[in-house]
Protein backbone atom coordinates (compact mmCIF):
# COMPACT_ATOMS: atom_id res chain seq x y z
CA MET A 1 46.15 27.47 -8.15
CA ARG A 2 49.56 26.10 -8.97
CA LYS A 3 49.92 23.97 -12.10
CA SER A 4 50.68 20.86 -10.07
CA THR A 5 47.51 21.41 -8.04
CA LEU A 6 45.43 21.79 -11.19
CA ARG A 7 46.99 18.62 -12.56
CA ASP A 8 46.20 16.82 -9.28
CA VAL A 9 42.57 17.96 -9.41
CA ALA A 10 42.25 16.88 -13.05
CA SER A 11 43.78 13.52 -12.22
CA GLN A 12 41.43 13.10 -9.28
CA GLN A 13 38.45 14.07 -11.47
CA ASN A 14 39.36 11.33 -13.94
CA GLU A 15 39.79 8.77 -11.18
CA VAL A 16 36.48 9.67 -9.53
CA THR A 17 34.64 9.61 -12.87
CA ASN A 18 36.05 6.17 -13.71
CA ASN A 19 35.12 4.81 -10.27
CA LEU A 20 31.58 6.18 -10.61
CA ARG A 21 31.19 4.61 -14.07
CA ARG A 22 32.23 1.23 -12.67
CA TYR A 23 29.76 1.68 -9.83
CA ALA A 24 26.91 2.55 -12.24
CA ARG A 25 27.63 -0.59 -14.32
CA LEU A 26 27.40 -2.71 -11.16
CA LEU A 27 23.97 -1.24 -10.39
CA ASN A 28 22.49 -2.97 -13.44
CA PHE A 29 23.10 -6.33 -11.74
CA ALA A 30 21.27 -5.40 -8.54
CA GLN A 31 17.69 -4.99 -9.71
CA PRO A 32 14.53 -6.43 -8.18
CA MET A 33 13.16 -9.33 -10.21
CA ASP A 34 9.46 -8.41 -10.16
CA MET A 35 9.40 -5.45 -12.51
CA SER A 36 8.07 -4.77 -15.96
CA ASN A 37 10.28 -4.30 -18.98
CA ARG A 38 9.44 -0.58 -18.97
CA VAL A 39 10.73 -0.13 -15.42
CA LYS A 40 13.83 -2.20 -16.28
CA GLU A 41 14.38 0.03 -19.30
CA MET A 42 14.10 3.16 -17.15
CA ILE A 43 16.52 1.80 -14.56
CA ALA A 44 19.02 0.77 -17.25
CA TYR A 45 18.79 4.25 -18.80
CA ILE A 46 19.26 5.89 -15.39
CA HIS A 47 22.31 3.75 -14.62
CA ASP A 48 23.83 4.39 -18.04
CA HIS A 49 23.50 8.17 -17.59
CA LEU A 50 23.54 8.43 -13.79
CA PHE A 51 26.48 10.77 -13.41
CA GLU A 52 25.84 12.95 -16.46
CA PRO A 53 24.99 16.54 -15.49
CA SER A 54 22.32 16.66 -18.21
CA LEU A 55 20.25 13.85 -16.65
CA THR A 56 16.84 15.19 -15.63
CA LEU A 57 13.50 13.65 -14.78
CA GLU A 58 12.07 15.03 -18.02
CA LYS A 59 14.90 13.46 -20.03
CA ILE A 60 14.39 10.07 -18.37
CA GLN A 61 10.67 10.17 -19.06
CA SER A 62 11.19 11.32 -22.63
CA GLU A 63 13.92 8.81 -23.51
CA CYS A 64 11.99 5.91 -21.94
CA ASN A 65 8.59 7.05 -23.24
CA ALA A 66 7.34 7.09 -19.65
CA LYS A 67 5.35 10.28 -19.27
CA ASN A 68 2.14 8.65 -18.09
CA HIS A 69 1.13 8.28 -14.47
CA ASN A 70 0.95 4.47 -14.58
CA ILE A 71 4.66 3.93 -15.21
CA THR A 72 5.73 6.41 -12.54
CA THR A 73 3.35 4.72 -10.07
CA GLU A 74 4.73 1.31 -11.04
CA PHE A 75 8.30 2.58 -10.64
CA ARG A 76 7.48 3.85 -7.15
CA ARG A 77 5.78 0.57 -6.22
CA VAL A 78 8.70 -1.59 -7.39
CA MET A 79 11.60 0.61 -6.26
CA GLY A 80 10.03 2.14 -3.14
CA VAL A 81 10.79 5.71 -4.23
CA GLY A 82 9.95 8.00 -7.12
CA ILE A 83 12.12 8.22 -10.23
CA TRP A 84 14.08 11.35 -9.29
CA GLN A 85 14.47 10.26 -5.67
CA TYR A 86 15.96 7.02 -7.03
CA VAL A 87 18.47 9.05 -9.08
CA ILE A 88 19.44 11.14 -6.06
CA ARG A 89 19.93 8.08 -3.86
CA ALA A 90 21.92 6.23 -6.53
CA ARG A 91 24.20 9.25 -6.97
CA LEU A 92 24.76 9.48 -3.23
CA ARG A 93 25.45 5.72 -3.05
CA GLY A 94 28.04 6.24 -5.78
CA ALA A 95 29.64 8.96 -3.67
CA VAL A 96 29.64 6.59 -0.69
CA ALA A 97 31.33 3.91 -2.78
CA VAL A 98 34.11 6.36 -3.70
CA LEU A 99 34.46 7.79 -0.19
CA SER A 100 34.66 4.30 1.29
CA LYS A 101 37.79 3.49 -0.66
CA HIS A 102 39.47 6.76 -1.66
CA LYS A 103 40.50 10.07 -0.15
CA VAL A 104 39.03 12.54 -2.58
CA ASN A 105 38.48 16.29 -2.81
CA ILE A 106 34.82 16.89 -1.87
CA TYR A 107 34.41 19.51 -4.60
CA VAL A 108 35.60 17.00 -7.21
CA LEU A 109 33.27 14.31 -5.90
CA ALA A 110 30.32 16.71 -5.63
CA THR A 111 30.61 17.86 -9.23
CA ALA A 112 31.12 14.28 -10.42
CA VAL A 113 27.81 13.22 -8.87
CA GLY A 114 25.91 16.27 -10.13
CA TYR A 115 25.98 18.70 -7.20
CA THR A 116 27.61 21.89 -6.09
CA GLU A 117 29.86 21.31 -3.08
CA GLU A 118 27.41 22.91 -0.65
CA ALA A 119 24.34 21.09 -2.02
CA PHE A 120 26.23 17.79 -2.00
CA SER A 121 27.34 18.19 1.61
CA ARG A 122 23.77 19.08 2.63
CA ALA A 123 22.20 16.13 0.72
CA PHE A 124 24.84 13.74 2.03
CA LYS A 125 24.33 14.85 5.63
CA ASN A 126 20.53 14.59 5.28
CA ARG A 127 20.86 11.03 3.96
CA TYR A 128 23.70 9.66 6.09
CA GLY A 129 23.72 11.86 9.18
CA CYS A 130 27.28 13.13 8.76
CA SER A 131 29.37 15.15 6.34
CA PRO A 132 31.16 13.39 3.46
CA MET A 133 34.54 13.98 5.13
CA GLN A 134 33.30 12.61 8.46
CA TYR A 135 32.02 9.56 6.59
CA HIS A 136 35.40 9.03 4.91
CA LYS A 137 37.29 9.40 8.20
CA LYS A 138 34.91 6.97 9.89
CA GLN A 139 35.43 4.45 7.07
CA VAL A 140 39.20 4.74 7.40
CA ARG A 141 39.00 4.11 11.15
CA ASP A 142 36.57 1.21 10.71
CA ASP A 143 38.72 -0.40 8.00
CA ARG A 144 41.45 -0.80 10.60
CA THR A 145 39.08 -2.65 12.95
CA GLY A 146 37.10 -4.47 10.27
CA ILE A 147 33.85 -3.09 11.67
CA VAL A 148 31.50 -1.10 9.46
CA PHE A 149 29.07 1.18 11.26
CA TRP A 150 27.79 3.37 8.44
CA SER A 151 25.47 1.06 6.55
CA ARG A 152 22.42 3.31 6.11
CA ILE A 153 22.48 3.40 2.31
């Protein structure tokens, strides 16, 4: 790669990372009200570390002292999905937030949300029914009309 291209990728990585951090902070304000302090603690921890590559289910359970079955069952009851599924969906929603507003290199976005490019494209398509680039192009077209069709988050 040329130096300017490497610089562009590094710049884009910083921009994507900053946008994802802002998104994760906003998630803390959108929590269901009927949850225990332990579930709130887990969600806060997940949001604080959402886009870190080292985030794992074991780390979440360890850091939040939530290795017993009761807390994972309660998490699933309150949030509608298991702990790791929640992480996956939140990461993909972060990617959607970036794609909705910015033209970004898919490799950069994939690594920023904890995926390889291929795994990210596959997970994104499974969740939203289109590739990340198709989603971005659709958002750009819809922004011109003011109509949003891709709301399955």
